[in-house]
Amino acid sequence: MSSEATTASGITTVYQVTGMTCGHCEGAVSEEISAIVGVSSVKAVAATGQVTVVSAAPLDDEAVRAAVDEAGYELTGRA
């Protein structure tokens, strides 16, 4: 299964992030990733460690990694 899907609203990519344990963690990760140009929505789920990102164009994984690092967590790759 591909970790990237194209829909009418954009491209959906699911990333795996370690270190999130609560709603505050989800908010911190979502806020940092939302600041990336082209991102239209972010949904982080601490229970699974998955962060679903919808963007207008494919995102640079390194930009996402930098945003997750800035929030204090670790991007382990695409889910």
C-alpha atoms as a PDB file:
ATOM      1  CA  MET A   1       0.000   0.000   0.000  1.00  0.00           C
ATOM      2  CA  SER A   2       1.334   3.415  -0.936  1.00  0.00           C
ATOM      3  CA  SER A   3       1.763   5.992   1.794  1.00  0.00           C
ATOM      4  CA  GLU A   4       0.706   8.720  -0.619  1.00  0.00           C
ATOM      5  CA  ALA A   5      -2.727   9.077  -2.208  1.00  0.00           C
ATOM      6  CA  THR A   6      -4.107  11.738  -4.527  1.00  0.00           C
ATOM      7  CA  THR A   7      -7.619  13.035  -3.861  1.00  0.00           C
ATOM      8  CA  ALA A   8      -9.668  15.994  -5.020  1.00  0.00           C
ATOM      9  CA  SER A   9      -8.462  17.949  -1.994  1.00  0.00           C
ATOM     10  CA  GLY A  10      -4.791  17.211  -2.621  1.00  0.00           C
ATOM     11  CA  ILE A  11      -2.197  14.611  -1.774  1.00  0.00           C
ATOM     12  CA  THR A  12      -2.555  12.665   1.455  1.00  0.00           C
ATOM     13  CA  THR A  13       0.616  11.298   3.040  1.00  0.00           C
ATOM     14  CA  VAL A  14       0.818   9.364   6.313  1.00  0.00           C
ATOM     15  CA  TYR A  15       3.976   9.670   8.396  1.00  0.00           C
ATOM     16  CA  GLN A  16       5.075   7.708  11.466  1.00  0.00           C
ATOM     17  CA  VAL A  17       6.211   9.850  14.420  1.00  0.00           C
ATOM     18  CA  THR A  18       7.607   8.609  17.735  1.00  0.00           C
ATOM     19  CA  GLY A  19       7.332  10.349  21.086  1.00  0.00           C
ATOM     20  CA  MET A  20       3.741  11.619  20.931  1.00  0.00           C
ATOM     21  CA  THR A  21       1.800  10.644  24.058  1.00  0.00           C
ATOM     22  CA  CYS A  22      -1.107  13.089  24.385  1.00  0.00           C
ATOM     23  CA  GLY A  23      -3.294  15.721  22.777  1.00  0.00           C
ATOM     24  CA  HIS A  24      -0.691  18.408  23.447  1.00  0.00           C
ATOM     25  CA  CYS A  25       1.844  16.340  21.489  1.00  0.00           C
ATOM     26  CA  GLU A  26      -0.600  16.011  18.608  1.00  0.00           C
ATOM     27  CA  GLY A  27      -1.162  19.764  18.600  1.00  0.00           C
ATOM     28  CA  ALA A  28       2.547  20.586  18.646  1.00  0.00           C
ATOM     29  CA  VAL A  29       3.288  18.276  15.702  1.00  0.00           C
ATOM     30  CA  SER A  30       0.225  19.480  13.765  1.00  0.00           C
ATOM     31  CA  GLU A  31       1.128  23.142  14.307  1.00  0.00           C
ATOM     32  CA  GLU A  32       4.697  22.727  13.017  1.00  0.00           C
ATOM     33  CA  ILE A  33       3.706  20.668   9.960  1.00  0.00           C
ATOM     34  CA  SER A  34       0.840  23.074   9.178  1.00  0.00           C
ATOM     35  CA  ALA A  35       3.439  25.828   8.750  1.00  0.00           C
ATOM     36  CA  ILE A  36       4.918  24.062   5.693  1.00  0.00           C
ATOM     37  CA  VAL A  37       3.871  25.804   2.465  1.00  0.00           C
ATOM     38  CA  GLY A  38       1.151  23.864   0.630  1.00  0.00           C
ATOM     39  CA  VAL A  39      -0.150  21.919   3.637  1.00  0.00           C
ATOM     40  CA  SER A  40      -3.940  22.154   3.913  1.00  0.00           C
ATOM     41  CA  SER A  41      -4.581  19.824   6.860  1.00  0.00           C
ATOM     42  CA  VAL A  42      -2.776  17.752   9.467  1.00  0.00           C
ATOM     43  CA  LYS A  43      -4.209  15.071  11.760  1.00  0.00           C
ATOM     44  CA  ALA A  44      -1.874  13.611  14.368  1.00  0.00           C
ATOM     45  CA  VAL A  45      -2.907  10.587  16.459  1.00  0.00           C
ATOM     46  CA  ALA A  46      -0.722   9.941  19.508  1.00  0.00           C
ATOM     47  CA  ALA A  47      -2.132   6.445  20.076  1.00  0.00           C
ATOM     48  CA  THR A  48      -0.839   5.190  16.703  1.00  0.00           C
ATOM     49  CA  GLY A  49       1.963   7.691  16.144  1.00  0.00           C
ATOM     50  CA  GLN A  50       0.535   8.408  12.721  1.00  0.00           C
ATOM     51  CA  VAL A  51       0.334  11.891  11.234  1.00  0.00           C
ATOM     52  CA  THR A  52      -1.860  12.304   8.160  1.00  0.00           C
ATOM     53  CA  VAL A  53      -0.965  15.327   6.042  1.00  0.00           C
ATOM     54  CA  VAL A  54      -2.973  16.699   3.104  1.00  0.00           C
ATOM     55  CA  SER A  55      -1.024  18.991   0.782  1.00  0.00           C
ATOM     56  CA  ALA A  56      -1.424  20.607  -2.625  1.00  0.00           C
ATOM     57  CA  ALA A  57       1.759  18.960  -3.933  1.00  0.00           C
ATOM     58  CA  PRO A  58       4.087  16.195  -2.728  1.00  0.00           C
ATOM     59  CA  LEU A  59       6.012  17.336   0.352  1.00  0.00           C
ATOM     60  CA  ASP A  60       9.738  17.139   0.839  1.00  0.00           C
ATOM     61  CA  ASP A  61      10.192  14.494   3.528  1.00  0.00           C
ATOM     62  CA  GLU A  62      13.118  16.469   4.948  1.00  0.00           C
ATOM     63  CA  ALA A  63      10.872  19.534   5.437  1.00  0.00           C
ATOM     64  CA  VAL A  64       8.393  17.353   7.321  1.00  0.00           C
ATOM     65  CA  ARG A  65      11.238  15.798   9.349  1.00  0.00           C
ATOM     66  CA  ALA A  66      12.517  19.281  10.273  1.00  0.00           C
ATOM     67  CA  ALA A  67       9.023  20.372  11.372  1.00  0.00           C
ATOM     68  CA  VAL A  68       8.581  17.255  13.530  1.00  0.00           C
ATOM     69  CA  ASP A  69      12.061  17.775  15.030  1.00  0.00           C
ATOM     70  CA  GLU A  70      11.157  21.397  15.797  1.00  0.00           C
ATOM     71  CA  ALA A  71       8.111  20.148  17.706  1.00  0.00           C
ATOM     72  CA  GLY A  72      10.388  17.852  19.726  1.00  0.00           C
ATOM     73  CA  TYR A  73       9.501  14.490  18.198  1.00  0.00           C
ATOM     74  CA  GLU A  74      11.060  12.085  15.718  1.00  0.00           C
ATOM     75  CA  LEU A  75       9.836  11.279  12.226  1.00  0.00           C
ATOM     76  CA  THR A  76      10.634   7.615  11.616  1.00  0.00           C
ATOM     77  CA  GLY A  77       9.343   7.556   8.033  1.00  0.00           C
ATOM     78  CA  ARG A  78       6.188   7.106   6.059  1.00  0.00           C
ATOM     79  CA  ALA A  79       3.577   4.793   7.525  1.00  0.00           C
END
